[in-house]
N, C-alpha and C. Protein backbone atom coordinates (compact mmCIF):
# COMPACT_ATOMS: atom_id res chain seq x y z
N MET A 1 -61.59 -52.96 -102.80
CA MET A 1 -60.14 -53.19 -102.79
C MET A 1 -59.71 -53.51 -101.43
N ASP A 2 -59.15 -54.67 -101.29
CA ASP A 2 -58.75 -55.10 -99.95
C ASP A 2 -57.50 -54.36 -99.54
N MET A 3 -57.50 -54.03 -98.23
CA MET A 3 -56.32 -53.38 -97.65
C MET A 3 -55.86 -54.24 -96.52
N ASN A 4 -54.99 -55.10 -96.78
CA ASN A 4 -54.51 -56.04 -95.77
C ASN A 4 -53.27 -55.51 -95.06
N GLY A 5 -52.54 -54.67 -95.63
CA GLY A 5 -51.31 -54.18 -94.96
C GLY A 5 -51.59 -53.14 -93.90
N ILE A 6 -50.71 -53.03 -93.00
CA ILE A 6 -50.83 -52.04 -91.92
C ILE A 6 -49.81 -50.98 -92.17
N GLY A 7 -50.25 -49.84 -92.39
CA GLY A 7 -49.33 -48.73 -92.62
C GLY A 7 -49.41 -47.74 -91.50
N PRO A 8 -48.82 -46.68 -91.70
CA PRO A 8 -48.85 -45.65 -90.63
C PRO A 8 -50.25 -45.14 -90.40
N VAL A 9 -50.54 -44.97 -89.17
CA VAL A 9 -51.89 -44.53 -88.81
C VAL A 9 -51.96 -43.05 -89.01
N GLU A 10 -52.81 -42.63 -89.75
CA GLU A 10 -52.96 -41.22 -90.01
C GLU A 10 -53.78 -40.62 -88.90
N PRO A 11 -53.41 -39.53 -88.41
CA PRO A 11 -54.23 -38.89 -87.36
C PRO A 11 -55.57 -38.52 -87.91
N GLY A 12 -56.54 -38.77 -87.08
CA GLY A 12 -57.88 -38.46 -87.50
C GLY A 12 -58.15 -36.99 -87.43
N GLU A 13 -59.29 -36.68 -87.91
CA GLU A 13 -59.69 -35.26 -87.91
C GLU A 13 -59.87 -34.80 -86.49
N GLY A 14 -59.38 -33.67 -86.15
CA GLY A 14 -59.48 -33.10 -84.78
C GLY A 14 -58.45 -33.63 -83.83
N THR A 15 -57.58 -34.44 -84.37
CA THR A 15 -56.52 -34.98 -83.47
C THR A 15 -55.21 -34.31 -83.78
N ALA A 16 -54.54 -33.83 -82.69
CA ALA A 16 -53.24 -33.17 -82.87
C ALA A 16 -52.16 -33.96 -82.21
N GLU A 17 -51.03 -33.87 -82.80
CA GLU A 17 -49.88 -34.57 -82.19
C GLU A 17 -49.49 -33.91 -80.87
N SER A 18 -49.17 -34.75 -79.88
CA SER A 18 -48.76 -34.22 -78.56
C SER A 18 -47.44 -33.49 -78.70
N ALA A 19 -47.40 -32.19 -78.18
CA ALA A 19 -46.16 -31.39 -78.20
C ALA A 19 -45.23 -31.84 -77.09
N PRO A 20 -43.94 -31.79 -77.32
CA PRO A 20 -42.98 -32.17 -76.23
C PRO A 20 -43.07 -31.19 -75.06
N PRO A 21 -42.90 -31.69 -73.79
CA PRO A 21 -43.01 -30.80 -72.60
C PRO A 21 -41.96 -29.73 -72.63
N PRO A 22 -42.29 -28.52 -72.14
CA PRO A 22 -41.31 -27.42 -72.12
C PRO A 22 -40.16 -27.76 -71.20
N PRO A 23 -39.02 -27.25 -71.47
CA PRO A 23 -37.86 -27.54 -70.60
C PRO A 23 -38.09 -26.99 -69.18
N ALA A 24 -37.61 -27.74 -68.18
CA ALA A 24 -37.79 -27.34 -66.76
C ALA A 24 -37.02 -26.07 -66.49
N ARG A 25 -37.64 -25.19 -65.65
CA ARG A 25 -36.96 -23.94 -65.26
C ARG A 25 -35.91 -24.24 -64.22
N THR A 26 -34.84 -23.56 -64.36
CA THR A 26 -33.80 -23.68 -63.33
C THR A 26 -34.14 -22.81 -62.13
N ARG A 27 -33.88 -23.31 -60.92
CA ARG A 27 -34.19 -22.58 -59.69
C ARG A 27 -32.94 -22.00 -59.03
N ALA A 28 -31.86 -22.03 -59.76
CA ALA A 28 -30.60 -21.53 -59.18
C ALA A 28 -30.69 -20.07 -58.78
N PRO A 29 -31.28 -19.19 -59.59
CA PRO A 29 -31.32 -17.78 -59.17
C PRO A 29 -32.06 -17.58 -57.87
N ALA A 30 -33.18 -18.26 -57.66
CA ALA A 30 -33.94 -18.09 -56.40
C ALA A 30 -33.13 -18.59 -55.22
N PHE A 31 -32.40 -19.71 -55.37
CA PHE A 31 -31.60 -20.24 -54.27
C PHE A 31 -30.50 -19.26 -53.87
N ARG A 32 -29.84 -18.71 -54.92
CA ARG A 32 -28.80 -17.73 -54.63
C ARG A 32 -29.37 -16.51 -53.93
N HIS A 33 -30.55 -16.09 -54.26
CA HIS A 33 -31.17 -14.93 -53.62
C HIS A 33 -31.44 -15.20 -52.15
N ARG A 34 -31.97 -16.40 -51.87
CA ARG A 34 -32.26 -16.72 -50.47
C ARG A 34 -30.98 -16.82 -49.66
N ARG A 35 -29.93 -17.38 -50.28
CA ARG A 35 -28.66 -17.51 -49.56
C ARG A 35 -28.06 -16.14 -49.27
N THR A 36 -28.13 -15.20 -50.21
CA THR A 36 -27.62 -13.85 -50.00
C THR A 36 -28.40 -13.14 -48.90
N ALA A 37 -29.73 -13.32 -48.93
CA ALA A 37 -30.56 -12.68 -47.90
C ALA A 37 -30.25 -13.24 -46.52
N LEU A 38 -30.04 -14.57 -46.42
CA LEU A 38 -29.71 -15.18 -45.13
C LEU A 38 -28.38 -14.68 -44.60
N ALA A 39 -27.38 -14.56 -45.49
CA ALA A 39 -26.07 -14.07 -45.05
C ALA A 39 -26.17 -12.63 -44.56
N ALA A 40 -26.96 -11.81 -45.27
CA ALA A 40 -27.11 -10.41 -44.84
C ALA A 40 -27.80 -10.33 -43.49
N ALA A 41 -28.81 -11.18 -43.29
CA ALA A 41 -29.52 -11.17 -42.00
C ALA A 41 -28.60 -11.62 -40.88
N THR A 42 -27.77 -12.64 -41.16
CA THR A 42 -26.84 -13.12 -40.13
C THR A 42 -25.83 -12.04 -39.76
N ALA A 43 -25.29 -11.35 -40.76
CA ALA A 43 -24.33 -10.28 -40.49
C ALA A 43 -24.96 -9.17 -39.68
N ALA A 44 -26.22 -8.83 -40.00
CA ALA A 44 -26.90 -7.78 -39.25
C ALA A 44 -27.10 -8.19 -37.80
N ALA A 45 -27.45 -9.49 -37.59
CA ALA A 45 -27.65 -9.97 -36.22
C ALA A 45 -26.35 -9.94 -35.44
N VAL A 46 -25.23 -10.31 -36.10
CA VAL A 46 -23.92 -10.27 -35.41
C VAL A 46 -23.56 -8.85 -35.04
N CYS A 47 -23.78 -7.90 -35.93
CA CYS A 47 -23.46 -6.49 -35.65
C CYS A 47 -24.31 -5.97 -34.50
N ALA A 48 -25.61 -6.36 -34.52
CA ALA A 48 -26.49 -5.89 -33.44
C ALA A 48 -26.06 -6.46 -32.10
N THR A 49 -25.67 -7.74 -32.08
CA THR A 49 -25.22 -8.36 -30.82
C THR A 49 -23.95 -7.71 -30.31
N ALA A 50 -23.00 -7.48 -31.24
CA ALA A 50 -21.75 -6.83 -30.83
C ALA A 50 -22.02 -5.43 -30.29
N GLY A 51 -22.91 -4.69 -30.94
CA GLY A 51 -23.24 -3.35 -30.44
C GLY A 51 -23.86 -3.39 -29.07
N TYR A 52 -24.72 -4.39 -28.83
CA TYR A 52 -25.35 -4.51 -27.51
C TYR A 52 -24.31 -4.83 -26.44
N LEU A 53 -23.40 -5.76 -26.77
CA LEU A 53 -22.37 -6.12 -25.79
C LEU A 53 -21.47 -4.94 -25.46
N LEU A 54 -21.13 -4.15 -26.48
CA LEU A 54 -20.30 -2.97 -26.23
C LEU A 54 -21.04 -1.94 -25.39
N ALA A 55 -22.34 -1.80 -25.66
CA ALA A 55 -23.11 -0.80 -24.91
C ALA A 55 -23.33 -1.20 -23.47
N THR A 56 -23.47 -2.52 -23.23
CA THR A 56 -23.78 -2.98 -21.88
C THR A 56 -22.55 -3.45 -21.11
N ARG A 57 -21.36 -3.40 -21.73
CA ARG A 57 -20.15 -3.84 -21.04
C ARG A 57 -19.83 -2.90 -19.88
N PRO A 58 -19.60 -3.45 -18.67
CA PRO A 58 -19.29 -2.57 -17.52
C PRO A 58 -17.98 -1.83 -17.73
N GLU A 59 -17.94 -0.62 -17.24
CA GLU A 59 -16.72 0.17 -17.37
C GLU A 59 -15.62 -0.44 -16.52
N ARG A 60 -14.42 -0.43 -17.05
CA ARG A 60 -13.28 -0.99 -16.32
C ARG A 60 -12.90 -0.09 -15.16
N ALA A 61 -12.81 -0.70 -13.97
CA ALA A 61 -12.45 0.07 -12.78
C ALA A 61 -11.03 0.59 -12.91
N PRO A 62 -10.77 1.82 -12.44
CA PRO A 62 -9.40 2.35 -12.51
C PRO A 62 -8.45 1.54 -11.65
N ALA A 63 -7.23 1.47 -12.06
CA ALA A 63 -6.23 0.72 -11.30
C ALA A 63 -6.05 1.33 -9.93
N PRO A 64 -6.00 0.49 -8.86
CA PRO A 64 -5.84 1.04 -7.51
C PRO A 64 -4.51 1.76 -7.35
N GLU A 65 -4.52 2.83 -6.56
CA GLU A 65 -3.29 3.57 -6.32
C GLU A 65 -2.38 2.76 -5.39
N PRO A 66 -1.08 2.85 -5.58
CA PRO A 66 -0.18 2.09 -4.71
C PRO A 66 -0.28 2.57 -3.27
N ALA A 67 -0.16 1.62 -2.34
CA ALA A 67 -0.26 1.95 -0.91
C ALA A 67 0.92 2.85 -0.52
N PRO A 68 0.65 3.84 0.34
CA PRO A 68 1.75 4.70 0.78
C PRO A 68 2.77 3.91 1.59
N PRO A 69 4.03 4.28 1.54
CA PRO A 69 5.04 3.54 2.31
C PRO A 69 4.82 3.73 3.80
N PRO A 70 5.24 2.75 4.62
CA PRO A 70 5.06 2.88 6.07
C PRO A 70 5.81 4.09 6.62
N ALA A 71 5.26 4.63 7.71
CA ALA A 71 5.94 5.74 8.39
C ALA A 71 7.24 5.21 9.02
N PRO A 72 8.24 6.08 9.16
CA PRO A 72 9.52 5.61 9.74
C PRO A 72 9.34 4.96 11.12
N SER A 73 8.42 5.49 11.94
CA SER A 73 8.25 4.94 13.28
C SER A 73 7.75 3.50 13.27
N GLN A 74 7.09 3.08 12.16
CA GLN A 74 6.61 1.71 12.06
C GLN A 74 7.71 0.74 11.68
N GLN A 75 8.88 1.26 11.35
CA GLN A 75 9.98 0.42 10.93
C GLN A 75 11.21 0.54 11.83
N VAL A 76 11.09 1.34 12.88
CA VAL A 76 12.23 1.56 13.77
C VAL A 76 11.78 1.34 15.21
N SER A 77 12.57 0.61 15.96
CA SER A 77 12.29 0.38 17.38
C SER A 77 13.43 0.93 18.23
N PHE A 78 13.08 1.45 19.43
CA PHE A 78 14.04 1.96 20.40
C PHE A 78 13.96 1.08 21.64
N THR A 79 15.11 0.54 22.05
CA THR A 79 15.15 -0.34 23.22
C THR A 79 16.15 0.21 24.23
N TYR A 80 15.70 0.28 25.47
CA TYR A 80 16.56 0.75 26.56
C TYR A 80 17.68 -0.26 26.78
N GLY A 81 18.92 0.25 26.81
CA GLY A 81 20.06 -0.62 27.02
C GLY A 81 20.47 -0.70 28.48
N GLU A 82 21.57 -0.03 28.84
CA GLU A 82 22.10 -0.05 30.20
C GLU A 82 22.52 1.35 30.62
N PRO A 83 22.43 1.66 31.94
CA PRO A 83 22.95 2.95 32.42
C PRO A 83 24.47 3.00 32.24
N ALA A 84 24.97 4.16 31.94
CA ALA A 84 26.42 4.36 31.86
C ALA A 84 26.94 4.58 33.27
N ASP A 85 27.87 3.77 33.65
CA ASP A 85 28.39 3.86 35.03
C ASP A 85 29.91 3.94 34.97
N PRO A 86 30.48 5.09 35.37
CA PRO A 86 29.79 6.28 35.87
C PRO A 86 29.25 7.13 34.73
N ALA A 87 28.29 7.98 35.07
CA ALA A 87 27.76 8.90 34.08
C ALA A 87 28.82 9.93 33.73
N PRO A 88 28.83 10.40 32.50
CA PRO A 88 29.79 11.44 32.11
C PRO A 88 29.66 12.67 33.02
N ALA A 89 30.74 13.37 33.21
CA ALA A 89 30.74 14.54 34.09
C ALA A 89 29.67 15.54 33.64
N GLY A 90 28.90 16.02 34.62
CA GLY A 90 27.85 17.00 34.35
C GLY A 90 26.50 16.38 34.05
N SER A 91 26.45 15.07 33.85
CA SER A 91 25.18 14.41 33.53
C SER A 91 24.58 13.82 34.79
N ALA A 92 23.28 13.98 34.93
CA ALA A 92 22.59 13.32 36.03
C ALA A 92 22.36 11.85 35.73
N PHE A 93 22.22 11.53 34.47
CA PHE A 93 21.94 10.16 34.07
C PHE A 93 22.35 9.99 32.61
N ALA A 94 22.95 8.86 32.31
CA ALA A 94 23.33 8.53 30.93
C ALA A 94 23.04 7.06 30.70
N PHE A 95 22.59 6.74 29.51
CA PHE A 95 22.21 5.35 29.21
C PHE A 95 22.29 5.13 27.69
N THR A 96 22.37 3.87 27.32
CA THR A 96 22.42 3.52 25.91
C THR A 96 21.02 3.17 25.40
N VAL A 97 20.80 3.45 24.14
CA VAL A 97 19.56 3.08 23.45
C VAL A 97 19.95 2.33 22.18
N ARG A 98 19.33 1.15 22.01
CA ARG A 98 19.58 0.37 20.80
C ARG A 98 18.47 0.67 19.79
N VAL A 99 18.87 1.13 18.64
CA VAL A 99 17.93 1.50 17.58
C VAL A 99 18.01 0.44 16.49
N ARG A 100 16.88 -0.22 16.24
CA ARG A 100 16.83 -1.28 15.24
C ARG A 100 15.87 -0.88 14.12
N SER A 101 16.30 -1.05 12.87
CA SER A 101 15.49 -0.67 11.73
C SER A 101 15.15 -1.90 10.88
N SER A 102 13.89 -1.99 10.46
CA SER A 102 13.46 -3.02 9.51
C SER A 102 13.16 -2.41 8.14
N SER A 103 13.51 -1.15 7.97
CA SER A 103 13.22 -0.45 6.73
C SER A 103 14.17 -0.91 5.62
N PRO A 104 13.66 -1.01 4.37
CA PRO A 104 14.56 -1.34 3.25
C PRO A 104 15.42 -0.16 2.82
N LYS A 105 15.20 0.99 3.44
CA LYS A 105 15.98 2.18 3.12
C LYS A 105 16.59 2.73 4.42
N PRO A 106 17.66 3.51 4.33
CA PRO A 106 18.25 4.11 5.53
C PRO A 106 17.25 5.03 6.23
N VAL A 107 17.32 5.05 7.55
CA VAL A 107 16.49 5.94 8.38
C VAL A 107 17.43 6.82 9.20
N THR A 108 17.09 8.10 9.27
CA THR A 108 17.94 9.06 9.98
C THR A 108 17.26 9.51 11.26
N ILE A 109 18.00 9.46 12.37
CA ILE A 109 17.53 10.02 13.64
C ILE A 109 17.98 11.48 13.66
N GLU A 110 17.04 12.37 13.56
CA GLU A 110 17.38 13.79 13.49
C GLU A 110 17.37 14.47 14.86
N ARG A 111 16.63 13.90 15.81
CA ARG A 111 16.55 14.54 17.13
C ARG A 111 16.10 13.51 18.16
N ILE A 112 16.69 13.59 19.35
CA ILE A 112 16.22 12.84 20.52
C ILE A 112 16.12 13.84 21.67
N ASP A 113 14.94 13.89 22.30
CA ASP A 113 14.72 14.83 23.40
C ASP A 113 13.74 14.21 24.38
N GLN A 114 13.38 14.95 25.40
CA GLN A 114 12.36 14.51 26.37
C GLN A 114 11.52 15.74 26.74
N PRO A 115 10.31 15.54 27.26
CA PRO A 115 9.38 16.66 27.39
C PRO A 115 9.62 17.60 28.58
N SER A 116 10.40 17.20 29.57
CA SER A 116 10.55 18.04 30.76
C SER A 116 11.47 19.23 30.49
N ARG A 117 10.99 20.43 30.86
CA ARG A 117 11.84 21.61 30.71
C ARG A 117 12.92 21.69 31.77
N ALA A 118 12.81 20.88 32.81
CA ALA A 118 13.82 20.87 33.87
C ALA A 118 15.04 20.03 33.49
N LEU A 119 14.94 19.30 32.37
CA LEU A 119 16.04 18.44 31.96
C LEU A 119 16.51 18.83 30.55
N ARG A 120 17.78 18.58 30.32
CA ARG A 120 18.35 18.78 28.99
C ARG A 120 18.96 17.46 28.52
N VAL A 121 18.94 17.26 27.22
CA VAL A 121 19.39 15.98 26.64
C VAL A 121 20.53 16.23 25.67
N THR A 122 21.54 15.38 25.77
CA THR A 122 22.64 15.36 24.82
C THR A 122 22.76 13.95 24.26
N VAL A 123 23.01 13.83 22.96
CA VAL A 123 23.09 12.51 22.32
C VAL A 123 24.48 12.36 21.69
N ARG A 124 25.07 11.17 21.87
CA ARG A 124 26.34 10.85 21.25
C ARG A 124 26.21 9.55 20.47
N PRO A 125 26.60 9.51 19.20
CA PRO A 125 27.07 10.63 18.39
C PRO A 125 25.96 11.66 18.17
N GLN A 126 26.37 12.85 17.91
CA GLN A 126 25.42 13.94 17.76
C GLN A 126 24.59 13.73 16.49
N PRO A 127 23.25 13.91 16.59
CA PRO A 127 22.39 13.77 15.40
C PRO A 127 22.76 14.81 14.34
N PRO A 128 22.48 14.51 13.08
CA PRO A 128 21.73 13.33 12.60
C PRO A 128 22.57 12.05 12.63
N VAL A 129 21.88 10.95 13.00
CA VAL A 129 22.51 9.63 13.06
C VAL A 129 21.74 8.73 12.10
N THR A 130 22.45 8.08 11.20
CA THR A 130 21.82 7.23 10.19
C THR A 130 21.88 5.76 10.60
N VAL A 131 20.74 5.10 10.48
CA VAL A 131 20.66 3.64 10.69
C VAL A 131 20.48 3.01 9.31
N VAL A 132 21.41 2.16 8.92
CA VAL A 132 21.35 1.58 7.58
C VAL A 132 20.15 0.65 7.46
N ALA A 133 19.78 0.34 6.21
CA ALA A 133 18.62 -0.52 5.96
C ALA A 133 18.79 -1.86 6.67
N GLY A 134 17.80 -2.18 7.53
CA GLY A 134 17.83 -3.44 8.26
C GLY A 134 18.92 -3.53 9.31
N GLY A 135 19.49 -2.39 9.71
CA GLY A 135 20.62 -2.40 10.63
C GLY A 135 20.26 -2.04 12.06
N VAL A 136 21.27 -2.05 12.93
CA VAL A 136 21.15 -1.71 14.35
C VAL A 136 22.20 -0.66 14.66
N ARG A 137 21.78 0.34 15.42
CA ARG A 137 22.71 1.41 15.81
C ARG A 137 22.50 1.69 17.30
N GLU A 138 23.58 1.94 18.02
CA GLU A 138 23.49 2.25 19.45
C GLU A 138 23.95 3.68 19.69
N VAL A 139 23.16 4.41 20.49
CA VAL A 139 23.52 5.79 20.82
C VAL A 139 23.53 5.94 22.34
N LEU A 140 24.28 6.93 22.79
CA LEU A 140 24.35 7.25 24.23
C LEU A 140 23.54 8.52 24.47
N VAL A 141 22.60 8.44 25.40
CA VAL A 141 21.76 9.58 25.75
C VAL A 141 22.16 10.07 27.14
N GLU A 142 22.49 11.34 27.25
CA GLU A 142 22.86 11.94 28.53
C GLU A 142 21.78 12.93 28.95
N ILE A 143 21.39 12.86 30.21
CA ILE A 143 20.36 13.76 30.74
C ILE A 143 20.99 14.63 31.83
N LEU A 144 20.84 15.92 31.68
CA LEU A 144 21.35 16.90 32.64
C LEU A 144 20.18 17.54 33.37
N ALA A 145 20.26 17.60 34.70
CA ALA A 145 19.23 18.25 35.50
C ALA A 145 19.51 19.75 35.50
N ALA A 146 18.75 20.49 34.69
CA ALA A 146 18.96 21.93 34.57
C ALA A 146 18.20 22.71 35.63
N ASP A 147 17.16 22.12 36.23
CA ASP A 147 16.34 22.83 37.22
C ASP A 147 15.82 21.80 38.21
N CYS A 148 16.60 21.59 39.29
CA CYS A 148 16.24 20.55 40.25
C CYS A 148 14.91 20.83 40.95
N VAL A 149 14.54 22.10 41.08
CA VAL A 149 13.30 22.42 41.78
C VAL A 149 12.10 21.83 41.04
N HIS A 150 12.16 21.78 39.73
CA HIS A 150 11.00 21.32 38.95
C HIS A 150 11.20 19.95 38.32
N VAL A 151 12.22 19.23 38.79
CA VAL A 151 12.43 17.89 38.26
C VAL A 151 11.38 16.95 38.82
N ALA A 152 10.75 16.17 37.95
CA ALA A 152 9.80 15.15 38.39
C ALA A 152 10.56 13.85 38.61
N ARG A 153 10.73 13.47 39.88
CA ARG A 153 11.56 12.31 40.17
C ARG A 153 10.82 10.99 39.94
N ASN A 154 9.52 11.01 40.00
CA ASN A 154 8.76 9.76 39.94
C ASN A 154 7.80 9.75 38.74
N ALA A 155 8.31 10.11 37.58
CA ALA A 155 7.47 10.06 36.38
C ALA A 155 7.09 8.61 36.10
N GLY A 156 5.81 8.39 35.84
CA GLY A 156 5.32 7.03 35.68
C GLY A 156 5.94 6.31 34.49
N LEU A 157 5.77 6.84 33.30
CA LEU A 157 6.33 6.24 32.09
C LEU A 157 7.01 7.34 31.27
N PRO A 158 8.22 7.71 31.66
CA PRO A 158 8.92 8.76 30.89
C PRO A 158 9.22 8.24 29.49
N PHE A 159 9.21 9.15 28.55
CA PHE A 159 9.43 8.75 27.17
C PHE A 159 10.41 9.70 26.49
N LEU A 160 10.88 9.28 25.34
CA LEU A 160 11.76 10.09 24.53
C LEU A 160 10.99 10.61 23.32
N GLU A 161 11.23 11.86 22.99
CA GLU A 161 10.65 12.45 21.78
C GLU A 161 11.70 12.35 20.67
N VAL A 162 11.34 11.68 19.59
CA VAL A 162 12.30 11.37 18.53
C VAL A 162 11.75 11.89 17.20
N THR A 163 12.64 12.47 16.39
CA THR A 163 12.30 12.86 15.02
C THR A 163 13.07 11.96 14.08
N LEU A 164 12.31 11.26 13.20
CA LEU A 164 12.90 10.33 12.24
C LEU A 164 12.61 10.80 10.82
N SER A 165 13.46 10.42 9.91
CA SER A 165 13.21 10.73 8.50
C SER A 165 13.81 9.63 7.64
N ASN A 166 13.21 9.47 6.45
CA ASN A 166 13.79 8.60 5.44
C ASN A 166 13.76 9.36 4.11
N GLU A 167 13.85 8.66 3.01
CA GLU A 167 13.91 9.35 1.73
C GLU A 167 12.56 9.94 1.32
N ILE A 168 11.49 9.59 2.06
CA ILE A 168 10.15 9.98 1.65
C ILE A 168 9.51 10.98 2.60
N ARG A 169 9.63 10.76 3.92
CA ARG A 169 8.91 11.62 4.86
C ARG A 169 9.68 11.77 6.15
N LYS A 170 9.24 12.77 6.94
CA LYS A 170 9.80 13.04 8.26
C LYS A 170 8.67 12.88 9.27
N GLU A 171 9.01 12.38 10.46
CA GLU A 171 7.97 12.10 11.44
C GLU A 171 8.50 12.32 12.85
N ALA A 172 7.66 12.95 13.69
CA ALA A 172 7.95 13.07 15.13
C ALA A 172 7.18 11.97 15.85
N HIS A 173 7.87 11.25 16.74
CA HIS A 173 7.26 10.11 17.41
C HIS A 173 7.78 10.03 18.84
N SER A 174 6.97 9.45 19.72
CA SER A 174 7.35 9.28 21.12
C SER A 174 7.57 7.80 21.41
N TYR A 175 8.69 7.47 22.06
CA TYR A 175 9.01 6.10 22.41
C TYR A 175 9.06 5.95 23.92
N ILE A 176 8.26 5.02 24.46
CA ILE A 176 8.29 4.68 25.89
C ILE A 176 9.28 3.54 26.06
N LEU A 177 10.26 3.71 26.93
CA LEU A 177 11.34 2.73 27.08
C LEU A 177 11.08 1.70 28.17
N GLY A 178 9.97 1.80 28.87
CA GLY A 178 9.60 0.75 29.82
C GLY A 178 9.89 1.07 31.27
N ASP A 179 9.49 0.12 32.14
CA ASP A 179 9.58 0.31 33.60
C ASP A 179 11.02 0.40 34.09
N ARG A 180 11.91 -0.40 33.54
CA ARG A 180 13.30 -0.39 34.01
C ARG A 180 13.93 0.97 33.77
N TYR A 181 13.67 1.55 32.62
CA TYR A 181 14.17 2.90 32.35
C TYR A 181 13.58 3.91 33.33
N ALA A 182 12.28 3.78 33.62
CA ALA A 182 11.64 4.71 34.56
C ALA A 182 12.28 4.61 35.94
N ARG A 183 12.57 3.41 36.42
CA ARG A 183 13.19 3.24 37.74
C ARG A 183 14.60 3.80 37.76
N ASP A 184 15.40 3.49 36.73
CA ASP A 184 16.79 3.97 36.70
C ASP A 184 16.83 5.49 36.61
N LEU A 185 15.95 6.08 35.81
CA LEU A 185 15.92 7.54 35.68
C LEU A 185 15.52 8.18 37.01
N SER A 186 14.50 7.63 37.67
CA SER A 186 14.06 8.20 38.95
C SER A 186 15.17 8.14 40.00
N ALA A 187 15.86 7.01 40.06
CA ALA A 187 16.94 6.88 41.05
C ALA A 187 18.07 7.87 40.74
N ALA A 188 18.41 8.05 39.47
CA ALA A 188 19.49 8.96 39.10
C ALA A 188 19.11 10.40 39.40
N LEU A 189 17.87 10.80 39.12
CA LEU A 189 17.45 12.18 39.40
C LEU A 189 17.35 12.44 40.90
N THR A 190 16.99 11.41 41.66
CA THR A 190 16.95 11.59 43.12
C THR A 190 18.35 11.82 43.67
N ARG A 191 19.34 11.13 43.11
CA ARG A 191 20.72 11.36 43.54
C ARG A 191 21.20 12.75 43.12
N ALA A 192 20.86 13.16 41.93
CA ALA A 192 21.33 14.46 41.44
C ALA A 192 20.60 15.62 42.09
N CYS A 193 19.34 15.41 42.46
CA CYS A 193 18.53 16.48 43.04
C CYS A 193 17.82 15.96 44.28
N PRO A 194 18.53 15.81 45.41
CA PRO A 194 17.87 15.31 46.63
C PRO A 194 16.81 16.29 47.11
N GLU A 195 15.85 15.79 47.87
CA GLU A 195 14.73 16.62 48.32
C GLU A 195 15.18 17.75 49.24
N ASP A 196 16.18 17.51 50.11
CA ASP A 196 16.61 18.58 51.02
C ASP A 196 17.25 19.73 50.21
N ARG A 197 17.80 19.40 49.05
CA ARG A 197 18.34 20.48 48.19
C ARG A 197 17.18 21.38 47.71
N ASP A 198 16.05 20.78 47.38
CA ASP A 198 14.89 21.57 46.97
C ASP A 198 14.43 22.47 48.11
N GLN A 199 14.41 21.91 49.31
CA GLN A 199 13.94 22.72 50.45
C GLN A 199 14.90 23.89 50.71
N ARG A 200 16.22 23.71 50.55
CA ARG A 200 17.14 24.80 50.74
C ARG A 200 16.95 25.86 49.69
N ALA A 201 16.60 25.39 48.47
CA ALA A 201 16.47 26.34 47.37
C ALA A 201 15.20 27.15 47.47
N THR A 202 14.11 26.55 48.01
CA THR A 202 12.81 27.23 48.02
C THR A 202 12.49 27.84 49.37
N GLY A 203 13.19 27.42 50.45
CA GLY A 203 12.87 27.92 51.76
C GLY A 203 11.73 27.15 52.39
N PRO A 204 11.36 27.45 53.67
CA PRO A 204 10.28 26.71 54.34
C PRO A 204 8.96 26.93 53.62
N SER A 205 8.16 25.88 53.60
CA SER A 205 6.85 25.99 52.93
C SER A 205 5.88 26.70 53.85
């Protein structure tokens, strides 16, 4: 019997039809796992770095204390003015002193004196005398020869002992008024206490 037609090919013995390939696995879960692990590692590294920086950060230096205000003597100057002519009765020598202040606060002159026990000092106006902030004040200083025997007529650089105060502190300071003051004082004391007066008072040496 002729078989001229072509029909479906029957699988031969031992031949199996090819099975369709299994569906591909999705890799999304593994990717998400790696991403989560990377984020956790990054966060840990950031925390470790921050901890190191905090541990190694230098301690902040304490704020410097404010500088103490200048002493009154650094802000006040005493300048010899002129002899008073004539000197007030009873005074061996009288002269003006110009007091200039650069302080932003008032300064008070509480005392003006000199170191010799043979002399006494009177100030007009009588202390305390206030010099306003940045101001100038003039006072009259009178010197009385209380003990001519012990008066030093030729003191090299006589000075005034002054006590100053402001709102913060009080200070004792010495002011040298210069050569002209020394000459005028020596001449005045020589007139008030001549040498022959000393010899009469003490007798022959």
